[in-house]
Amino acid sequence: MLDALFSSASGPLTAFLQVLMIDLVLAGDNAVAVGLAAGGLPVKDRKKVILYGLGAAVVLRIGFALITTWLLGVVGLLLAGGFLLLWVCWKMWREMREQAAQDAADAAAMLDADPNTEPQARAPKSFKSAFLQVLIADVSMSLDNVLAVAGAAREHPGILVFGLLLSIALMGLAANAIAKLLHKHRWIGFIGLAIVLYVSLHMIWEGHRSVVMDLHKTEQYNAAAPNIVDIKPDEVAKHEKHR
């Protein structure tokens, strides 16, 4: 029994371990994105955004899981998700720069102004803006998570369901703590932003290679691209197996 579990690359134990690793990585990234989006809100709204974001993630991941076979057949879907997440990254970067500039301006004004004058309050980040960012990040990262988990556990639907539930639980546990940390120490937000940027670029990289293989243009791609980024036969075989 144990030999059967370990010997087959597609065995349930192998699939379970792959799903576990995928969830630990991607759920953490998703939690960082949600925490970044919610970090600039008041405590009450922050908890609400995270809760709503978690609910959206549940709906999206279950919905994507139900149409996994169709999703795996859509050319360029992962690439589009990567660009969508990149847009979220850019929005977060702009907000963080504006916050940093405003904080610096407030500090300078306090030094120069009359001590009896109250510093001008900055308009807080809106609930709608934060939730929109969370929702778009959820769409992109849920898509990435479902496609990755489906590839690892395609022949084991029970493990696929477990993986989706695990990723949602991990995200829910981490997002609130991350949001609190980012609210107190804004500089950590730039580290979180770098993580989300990496995820988006990785999705774009993997997505564009998937498009090449889906369109059967591997030979032309390899002829035009530097040798170091060639699509190898084992990558093509793995891609075909997961479709």
Protein backbone atom coordinates (compact mmCIF):
# COMPACT_ATOMS: atom_id res chain seq x y z
CA MET A 1 0.00 0.00 0.00
CA LEU A 2 2.74 2.46 1.01
CA ASP A 3 4.79 1.44 -2.02
CA ALA A 4 1.84 2.33 -4.24
CA LEU A 5 1.48 5.71 -2.54
CA PHE A 6 5.13 6.67 -2.94
CA SER A 7 6.10 4.94 -6.18
CA SER A 8 3.61 6.67 -8.46
CA ALA A 9 4.28 10.31 -9.35
CA SER A 10 0.54 10.79 -9.48
CA GLY A 11 -0.17 8.85 -6.26
CA PRO A 12 -2.45 10.38 -3.64
CA LEU A 13 0.34 11.01 -1.13
CA THR A 14 2.49 12.76 -3.75
CA ALA A 15 -0.51 14.83 -4.85
CA PHE A 16 -1.32 15.70 -1.21
CA LEU A 17 2.24 16.91 -0.53
CA GLN A 18 2.30 18.96 -3.73
CA VAL A 19 -1.05 20.56 -2.90
CA LEU A 20 0.13 21.33 0.64
CA MET A 21 3.24 23.13 -0.61
CA ILE A 22 1.29 25.03 -3.27
CA ASP A 23 -1.26 26.18 -0.67
CA LEU A 24 1.37 27.28 1.85
CA VAL A 25 3.04 29.48 -0.76
CA LEU A 26 0.03 30.86 -2.62
CA ALA A 27 -2.20 31.36 0.43
CA GLY A 28 0.58 33.35 2.05
CA ASP A 29 0.91 35.53 -1.05
CA ASN A 30 -2.85 36.05 -1.16
CA ALA A 31 -2.86 37.01 2.52
CA VAL A 32 -0.12 39.58 1.87
CA ALA A 33 -2.14 41.12 -0.99
CA VAL A 34 -5.29 41.30 1.15
CA GLY A 35 -3.33 42.67 4.10
CA LEU A 36 -1.77 45.38 1.93
CA ALA A 37 -5.16 46.43 0.56
CA ALA A 38 -6.75 46.55 4.03
CA GLY A 39 -3.78 48.01 5.90
CA GLY A 40 -4.72 51.66 5.34
CA LEU A 41 -8.25 51.32 6.72
CA PRO A 42 -9.60 51.91 10.24
CA VAL A 43 -9.76 48.76 12.37
CA LYS A 44 -13.52 48.19 11.91
CA ASP A 45 -13.38 48.56 8.13
CA ARG A 46 -10.16 46.56 7.94
CA LYS A 47 -11.79 43.52 9.54
CA LYS A 48 -14.82 43.93 7.29
CA VAL A 49 -12.72 44.07 4.10
CA ILE A 50 -10.77 40.98 5.15
CA LEU A 51 -13.98 39.13 5.96
CA TYR A 52 -15.59 40.09 2.66
CA GLY A 53 -12.38 39.26 0.84
CA LEU A 54 -12.33 35.84 2.47
CA GLY A 55 -15.95 35.27 1.42
CA ALA A 56 -15.10 36.31 -2.14
CA ALA A 57 -12.14 33.92 -2.15
CA VAL A 58 -14.40 31.05 -1.03
CA VAL A 59 -16.92 31.76 -3.81
CA LEU A 60 -14.26 32.27 -6.48
CA ARG A 61 -12.22 29.19 -5.63
CA ILE A 62 -15.25 26.93 -5.45
CA GLY A 63 -16.54 28.42 -8.70
CA PHE A 64 -13.20 28.02 -10.44
CA ALA A 65 -12.88 24.47 -9.10
CA LEU A 66 -16.23 23.53 -10.61
CA ILE A 67 -15.07 24.63 -14.06
CA THR A 68 -11.44 23.55 -13.73
CA THR A 69 -11.51 21.45 -16.91
CA TRP A 70 -12.79 24.43 -18.89
CA LEU A 71 -10.27 26.79 -17.26
CA LEU A 72 -7.38 24.50 -18.17
CA GLY A 73 -8.48 24.75 -21.79
CA VAL A 74 -8.64 28.57 -21.98
CA VAL A 75 -5.60 29.91 -23.81
CA GLY A 76 -3.90 32.85 -22.05
CA LEU A 77 -5.99 32.78 -18.87
CA LEU A 78 -3.03 32.61 -16.49
CA LEU A 79 -1.28 35.35 -18.48
CA ALA A 80 -4.33 37.62 -18.18
CA GLY A 81 -4.53 36.92 -14.43
CA GLY A 82 -0.89 37.92 -14.07
CA PHE A 83 -1.47 41.26 -15.78
CA LEU A 84 -4.56 41.84 -13.64
CA LEU A 85 -2.54 41.28 -10.48
CA LEU A 86 0.20 43.54 -11.85
CA TRP A 87 -2.41 46.32 -12.13
CA VAL A 88 -3.35 45.77 -8.46
CA CYS A 89 0.34 46.00 -7.62
CA TRP A 90 0.63 49.34 -9.41
CA LYS A 91 -2.43 50.71 -7.59
CA MET A 92 -1.01 49.65 -4.23
CA TRP A 93 2.37 51.19 -5.09
CA ARG A 94 0.74 54.53 -5.92
CA GLU A 95 -1.24 54.52 -2.68
CA MET A 96 1.80 53.63 -0.58
CA ARG A 97 3.87 56.40 -2.19
CA GLU A 98 1.08 58.91 -1.62
CA GLN A 99 0.81 57.83 2.02
CA ALA A 100 4.57 58.10 2.50
CA ALA A 101 4.65 61.57 0.87
CA GLN A 102 1.71 62.74 2.98
CA ASP A 103 3.33 61.43 6.17
CA ALA A 104 6.54 63.30 5.31
CA ALA A 105 4.58 66.49 4.53
CA ASP A 106 2.65 66.19 7.82
CA ALA A 107 5.89 65.76 9.76
CA ALA A 108 7.45 68.82 8.08
CA ALA A 109 4.31 70.89 8.67
CA MET A 110 4.31 70.01 12.36
CA LEU A 111 7.89 71.28 12.68
CA ASP A 112 7.15 74.58 10.92
CA ALA A 113 3.59 75.25 11.99
CA ASP A 114 2.17 76.96 15.04
CA PRO A 115 2.16 74.37 17.88
CA ASN A 116 -1.45 75.31 18.62
CA THR A 117 -2.53 74.45 15.07
CA GLU A 118 -3.90 70.98 14.40
CA PRO A 119 -2.27 69.16 11.45
CA GLN A 120 -4.56 68.69 8.48
CA ALA A 121 -6.07 65.21 8.52
CA ARG A 122 -5.45 63.00 5.54
CA ALA A 123 -8.47 61.51 3.82
CA PRO A 124 -8.50 57.81 4.78
CA LYS A 125 -8.47 55.08 2.19
CA SER A 126 -12.02 54.24 1.18
CA PHE A 127 -13.66 50.92 1.94
CA LYS A 128 -14.74 50.63 -1.71
CA SER A 129 -11.20 51.13 -3.02
CA ALA A 130 -9.75 48.57 -0.60
CA PHE A 131 -12.42 45.97 -1.34
CA LEU A 132 -11.98 46.42 -5.11
CA GLN A 133 -8.26 45.73 -4.75
CA VAL A 134 -8.96 42.68 -2.57
CA LEU A 135 -11.51 41.39 -5.07
CA ILE A 136 -9.17 41.73 -8.07
CA ALA A 137 -6.31 40.15 -6.14
CA ASP A 138 -8.66 37.31 -5.14
CA VAL A 139 -9.66 36.72 -8.77
CA SER A 140 -6.04 36.57 -9.94
CA MET A 141 -4.66 34.52 -7.06
CA SER A 142 -7.67 32.21 -6.82
CA LEU A 143 -7.22 31.47 -10.51
CA ASP A 144 -3.52 30.79 -9.98
CA ASN A 145 -4.24 28.61 -6.93
CA VAL A 146 -6.97 26.53 -8.57
CA LEU A 147 -4.93 25.93 -11.74
CA ALA A 148 -1.86 24.96 -9.71
CA VAL A 149 -3.75 22.68 -7.33
CA ALA A 150 -5.75 21.15 -10.20
CA GLY A 151 -2.52 20.33 -11.98
CA ALA A 152 -1.16 18.57 -8.90
CA ALA A 153 -4.37 16.77 -7.87
CA ARG A 154 -6.33 16.37 -11.08
CA GLU A 155 -6.85 12.63 -10.56
CA HIS A 156 -7.74 13.04 -6.87
CA PRO A 157 -10.81 15.29 -6.47
CA GLY A 158 -10.88 14.82 -2.68
CA ILE A 159 -7.37 16.24 -2.40
CA LEU A 160 -8.34 19.08 -4.75
CA VAL A 161 -11.23 20.07 -2.44
CA PHE A 162 -8.98 19.77 0.63
CA GLY A 163 -6.40 22.01 -1.01
CA LEU A 164 -8.93 24.73 -1.78
CA LEU A 165 -10.33 24.69 1.78
CA LEU A 166 -6.82 24.72 3.25
CA SER A 167 -5.76 27.72 1.16
CA ILE A 168 -8.82 29.71 2.28
CA ALA A 169 -8.23 28.86 5.95
CA LEU A 170 -4.56 29.84 5.74
CA MET A 171 -5.40 33.11 4.02
CA GLY A 172 -8.01 34.00 6.61
CA LEU A 173 -5.64 33.34 9.51
CA ALA A 174 -2.78 35.35 8.05
CA ALA A 175 -4.48 38.34 6.38
CA ASN A 176 -5.68 40.08 9.57
CA ALA A 177 -2.31 39.74 11.29
CA ILE A 178 -0.52 41.06 8.21
CA ALA A 179 -2.92 44.02 7.92
CA LYS A 180 -2.29 44.98 11.57
CA LEU A 181 1.47 44.77 11.07
CA LEU A 182 1.38 46.86 7.91
CA HIS A 183 -0.83 49.46 9.60
CA LYS A 184 1.77 49.95 12.35
CA HIS A 185 4.90 49.66 10.20
CA ARG A 186 4.20 50.99 6.72
CA TRP A 187 7.72 50.25 5.44
CA ILE A 188 6.97 46.51 5.68
CA GLY A 189 4.30 47.14 3.06
CA PHE A 190 6.99 47.58 0.41
CA ILE A 191 8.28 44.08 1.20
CA GLY A 192 4.74 42.76 0.86
CA LEU A 193 4.37 44.66 -2.40
CA ALA A 194 7.54 43.00 -3.72
CA ILE A 195 6.01 39.59 -2.93
CA VAL A 196 2.79 40.41 -4.80
CA LEU A 197 4.85 41.80 -7.71
CA TYR A 198 6.85 38.57 -7.85
CA VAL A 199 3.64 36.51 -7.96
CA SER A 200 2.22 38.63 -10.80
CA LEU A 201 5.45 38.42 -12.82
CA HIS A 202 5.65 34.68 -12.23
CA MET A 203 2.06 34.28 -13.47
CA ILE A 204 2.92 36.33 -16.57
CA TRP A 205 6.05 34.27 -17.19
CA GLU A 206 4.28 30.93 -16.80
CA GLY A 207 1.24 32.21 -18.65
CA HIS A 208 3.11 33.34 -21.76
CA ARG A 209 4.89 29.99 -21.98
CA SER A 210 1.56 28.19 -21.65
CA VAL A 211 0.18 30.28 -24.54
CA VAL A 212 3.14 29.30 -26.71
CA MET A 213 2.60 25.60 -25.96
CA ASP A 214 -1.18 25.81 -26.39
CA LEU A 215 -0.72 27.38 -29.83
CA HIS A 216 1.93 24.78 -30.75
CA LYS A 217 4.51 27.47 -31.44
CA THR A 218 7.26 25.98 -29.27
CA GLU A 219 9.75 25.51 -32.11
CA GLN A 220 9.33 29.10 -33.33
CA TYR A 221 9.60 30.40 -29.76
CA ASN A 222 12.80 28.46 -29.08
CA ALA A 223 14.30 29.66 -32.37
CA ALA A 224 13.64 33.32 -31.49
CA ALA A 225 14.35 33.24 -27.74
CA PRO A 226 17.76 32.91 -26.02
CA ASN A 227 18.72 29.32 -25.22
CA ILE A 228 18.41 29.91 -21.49
CA VAL A 229 14.63 30.42 -21.76
CA ASP A 230 13.91 27.64 -24.26
CA ILE A 231 10.83 25.54 -23.60
CA LYS A 232 12.18 22.03 -23.02
CA PRO A 233 10.41 18.82 -24.08
CA ASP A 234 9.80 17.83 -20.44
CA GLU A 235 8.02 21.16 -19.84
CA VAL A 236 5.82 20.53 -22.89
CA ALA A 237 5.05 16.99 -21.67
CA LYS A 238 4.16 18.26 -18.19
CA HIS A 239 1.93 20.95 -19.69
CA GLU A 240 0.10 18.46 -21.88
CA LYS A 241 -0.38 16.10 -18.95
CA HIS A 242 -2.07 18.79 -16.85
CA ARG A 243 -4.49 19.85 -19.56
